[in-house]
Amino acid sequence: QVQLVESGGGLVQAGGSLRLSCVASGSFVSINYMGWYRQAPGKQRELVAAITRGDSTNYADSVKGRFTISRDNAKNTVYLQMNSLKPEDTCVYYCMVVVTGINYWGQGTQVTVSS
């Protein structure tokens, strides 16, 4: 079993920055895939950014050049640095990790960007 705890969400003005963190704990040896997803009311959850244990990254087109995903394997933590935030980035952001082929999700953290 894997538990995920997210932090770092909040209210920020357009153009501002936030840094999300997600710490994984539980019974596992290593985590291959770690990612951030987001979901707006009435919309499907979508990938924001993902990173593998080998530090290969993937970003949604809408956040390329503004968001940066990184991880600290020693701390089982994944980060999402969000710069130049826009009102359309307002969503609940979820951390997701894959351990032995099973997806685990965090509880979500709200990010609100005011115009």
C-alpha atoms as a PDB file:
ATOM      1  CA  GLN A   1       0.000   0.000   0.000  1.00  0.00           C
ATOM      2  CA  VAL A   2       1.167   3.504  -0.847  1.00  0.00           C
ATOM      3  CA  GLN A   3       0.020   6.751   0.719  1.00  0.00           C
ATOM      4  CA  LEU A   4       0.452  10.122  -0.945  1.00  0.00           C
ATOM      5  CA  VAL A   5       0.338  13.485   0.792  1.00  0.00           C
ATOM      6  CA  GLU A   6       0.200  16.618  -1.336  1.00  0.00           C
ATOM      7  CA  SER A   7       0.905  20.164  -0.281  1.00  0.00           C
ATOM      8  CA  GLY A   8       1.586  23.587  -1.733  1.00  0.00           C
ATOM      9  CA  GLY A   9      -1.708  24.538  -3.305  1.00  0.00           C
ATOM     10  CA  GLY A  10      -3.402  27.850  -2.674  1.00  0.00           C
ATOM     11  CA  LEU A  11      -4.538  31.157  -4.099  1.00  0.00           C
ATOM     12  CA  VAL A  12      -2.201  33.184  -6.287  1.00  0.00           C
ATOM     13  CA  GLN A  13      -2.533  36.076  -8.697  1.00  0.00           C
ATOM     14  CA  ALA A  14      -2.034  35.579 -12.410  1.00  0.00           C
ATOM     15  CA  GLY A  15       1.651  35.616 -13.241  1.00  0.00           C
ATOM     16  CA  GLY A  16       2.572  34.231  -9.863  1.00  0.00           C
ATOM     17  CA  SER A  17       4.170  30.952  -8.846  1.00  0.00           C
ATOM     18  CA  LEU A  18       3.405  27.971  -6.670  1.00  0.00           C
ATOM     19  CA  ARG A  19       5.303  24.794  -5.857  1.00  0.00           C
ATOM     20  CA  LEU A  20       3.412  21.577  -5.243  1.00  0.00           C
ATOM     21  CA  SER A  21       4.940  18.679  -3.335  1.00  0.00           C
ATOM     22  CA  CYS A  22       3.831  15.073  -3.005  1.00  0.00           C
ATOM     23  CA  VAL A  23       5.416  12.669  -0.540  1.00  0.00           C
ATOM     24  CA  ALA A  24       4.917   8.935  -0.930  1.00  0.00           C
ATOM     25  CA  SER A  25       5.097   6.521   1.965  1.00  0.00           C
ATOM     26  CA  GLY A  26       4.331   2.863   2.532  1.00  0.00           C
ATOM     27  CA  SER A  27       5.619  -0.526   1.512  1.00  0.00           C
ATOM     28  CA  PHE A  28       7.570  -0.225  -1.692  1.00  0.00           C
ATOM     29  CA  VAL A  29      11.149  -0.423  -2.907  1.00  0.00           C
ATOM     30  CA  SER A  30      11.050   2.177  -5.629  1.00  0.00           C
ATOM     31  CA  ILE A  31       8.659   4.272  -7.669  1.00  0.00           C
ATOM     32  CA  ASN A  32       9.054   4.305 -11.408  1.00  0.00           C
ATOM     33  CA  TYR A  33       6.461   6.782 -12.574  1.00  0.00           C
ATOM     34  CA  MET A  34       5.384   9.931 -10.744  1.00  0.00           C
ATOM     35  CA  GLY A  35       3.020  12.471 -12.180  1.00  0.00           C
ATOM     36  CA  TRP A  36       0.758  15.431 -11.613  1.00  0.00           C
ATOM     37  CA  TYR A  37      -2.750  15.567 -13.019  1.00  0.00           C
ATOM     38  CA  ARG A  38      -5.453  18.172 -12.720  1.00  0.00           C
ATOM     39  CA  GLN A  39      -9.196  18.301 -12.946  1.00  0.00           C
ATOM     40  CA  ALA A  40     -11.530  21.260 -13.312  1.00  0.00           C
ATOM     41  CA  PRO A  41     -15.229  21.004 -12.376  1.00  0.00           C
ATOM     42  CA  GLY A  42     -17.163  19.152 -15.050  1.00  0.00           C
ATOM     43  CA  LYS A  43     -14.042  18.170 -16.966  1.00  0.00           C
ATOM     44  CA  GLN A  44     -11.942  15.050 -17.238  1.00  0.00           C
ATOM     45  CA  ARG A  45      -8.760  14.652 -15.285  1.00  0.00           C
ATOM     46  CA  GLU A  46      -5.764  15.460 -17.464  1.00  0.00           C
ATOM     47  CA  LEU A  47      -2.040  14.909 -17.304  1.00  0.00           C
ATOM     48  CA  VAL A  48      -0.026  17.987 -16.401  1.00  0.00           C
ATOM     49  CA  ALA A  49       3.472  16.524 -16.135  1.00  0.00           C
ATOM     50  CA  ALA A  50       5.146  13.213 -15.442  1.00  0.00           C
ATOM     51  CA  ILE A  51       8.622  11.977 -14.636  1.00  0.00           C
ATOM     52  CA  THR A  52      10.181   8.533 -14.607  1.00  0.00           C
ATOM     53  CA  ARG A  53      12.818   7.214 -12.241  1.00  0.00           C
ATOM     54  CA  GLY A  54      15.348   7.910 -14.991  1.00  0.00           C
ATOM     55  CA  ASP A  55      14.214  11.559 -15.061  1.00  0.00           C
ATOM     56  CA  SER A  56      12.480  11.399 -18.426  1.00  0.00           C
ATOM     57  CA  THR A  57       9.737  14.014 -18.403  1.00  0.00           C
ATOM     58  CA  ASN A  58       6.522  14.663 -20.261  1.00  0.00           C
ATOM     59  CA  TYR A  59       4.398  17.822 -20.178  1.00  0.00           C
ATOM     60  CA  ALA A  60       1.005  18.888 -21.399  1.00  0.00           C
ATOM     61  CA  ASP A  61       1.345  21.428 -24.194  1.00  0.00           C
ATOM     62  CA  SER A  62      -0.555  23.990 -22.133  1.00  0.00           C
ATOM     63  CA  VAL A  63       2.120  24.073 -19.420  1.00  0.00           C
ATOM     64  CA  LYS A  64       5.340  23.622 -21.386  1.00  0.00           C
ATOM     65  CA  GLY A  65       7.821  26.359 -20.573  1.00  0.00           C
ATOM     66  CA  ARG A  66       5.923  27.346 -17.419  1.00  0.00           C
ATOM     67  CA  PHE A  67       5.837  24.231 -15.229  1.00  0.00           C
ATOM     68  CA  THR A  68       8.719  22.005 -14.184  1.00  0.00           C
ATOM     69  CA  ILE A  69       8.409  18.562 -12.655  1.00  0.00           C
ATOM     70  CA  SER A  70      11.206  17.088 -10.569  1.00  0.00           C
ATOM     71  CA  ARG A  71      11.686  14.305  -8.043  1.00  0.00           C
ATOM     72  CA  ASP A  72      13.847  13.398  -5.085  1.00  0.00           C
ATOM     73  CA  ASN A  73      14.095   9.616  -4.996  1.00  0.00           C
ATOM     74  CA  ALA A  74      15.744   9.610  -1.576  1.00  0.00           C
ATOM     75  CA  LYS A  75      12.697  11.404  -0.164  1.00  0.00           C
ATOM     76  CA  ASN A  76      10.114   9.657  -2.373  1.00  0.00           C
ATOM     77  CA  THR A  77       8.890  13.095  -3.317  1.00  0.00           C
ATOM     78  CA  VAL A  78       7.760  14.671  -6.551  1.00  0.00           C
ATOM     79  CA  TYR A  79       7.504  18.411  -7.088  1.00  0.00           C
ATOM     80  CA  LEU A  80       5.724  20.636  -9.550  1.00  0.00           C
ATOM     81  CA  GLN A  81       7.090  24.135  -9.894  1.00  0.00           C
ATOM     82  CA  MET A  82       4.422  26.289 -11.518  1.00  0.00           C
ATOM     83  CA  ASN A  83       5.429  29.690 -12.874  1.00  0.00           C
ATOM     84  CA  SER A  84       3.568  32.311 -14.895  1.00  0.00           C
ATOM     85  CA  LEU A  85       0.289  30.930 -13.647  1.00  0.00           C
ATOM     86  CA  LYS A  86      -2.880  31.732 -15.562  1.00  0.00           C
ATOM     87  CA  PRO A  87      -6.531  31.740 -14.448  1.00  0.00           C
ATOM     88  CA  GLU A  88      -7.097  28.691 -16.653  1.00  0.00           C
ATOM     89  CA  ASP A  89      -4.643  26.762 -14.471  1.00  0.00           C
ATOM     90  CA  THR A  90      -7.231  26.855 -11.689  1.00  0.00           C
ATOM     91  CA  CYS A  91      -7.957  23.212 -10.852  1.00  0.00           C
ATOM     92  CA  VAL A  92      -7.581  20.540  -8.258  1.00  0.00           C
ATOM     93  CA  TYR A  93      -4.134  19.029  -8.753  1.00  0.00           C
ATOM     94  CA  TYR A  94      -3.551  15.349  -8.016  1.00  0.00           C
ATOM     95  CA  CYS A  95      -0.337  13.447  -7.528  1.00  0.00           C
ATOM     96  CA  MET A  96      -0.180   9.938  -8.993  1.00  0.00           C
ATOM     97  CA  VAL A  97       2.497   7.280  -8.684  1.00  0.00           C
ATOM     98  CA  VAL A  98       2.846   3.810 -10.134  1.00  0.00           C
ATOM     99  CA  VAL A  99       4.220   1.080  -7.890  1.00  0.00           C
ATOM    100  CA  THR A 100       4.434  -2.508  -9.196  1.00  0.00           C
ATOM    101  CA  GLY A 101       1.897  -1.693 -11.870  1.00  0.00           C
ATOM    102  CA  ILE A 102      -0.689  -0.164  -9.543  1.00  0.00           C
ATOM    103  CA  ASN A 103      -1.742   3.494  -9.707  1.00  0.00           C
ATOM    104  CA  TYR A 104      -2.031   5.385  -6.452  1.00  0.00           C
ATOM    105  CA  TRP A 105      -3.604   8.831  -6.187  1.00  0.00           C
ATOM    106  CA  GLY A 106      -3.309  11.639  -3.710  1.00  0.00           C
ATOM    107  CA  GLN A 107      -6.273  13.446  -2.233  1.00  0.00           C
ATOM    108  CA  GLY A 108      -5.781  16.536  -4.393  1.00  0.00           C
ATOM    109  CA  THR A 109      -4.795  20.096  -3.658  1.00  0.00           C
ATOM    110  CA  GLN A 110      -6.655  23.150  -4.914  1.00  0.00           C
ATOM    111  CA  VAL A 111      -4.848  25.733  -7.004  1.00  0.00           C
ATOM    112  CA  THR A 112      -6.720  28.955  -7.693  1.00  0.00           C
ATOM    113  CA  VAL A 113      -5.311  31.662  -9.941  1.00  0.00           C
ATOM    114  CA  SER A 114      -7.044  35.028  -9.822  1.00  0.00           C
ATOM    115  CA  SER A 115      -7.011  37.431 -12.740  1.00  0.00           C
END
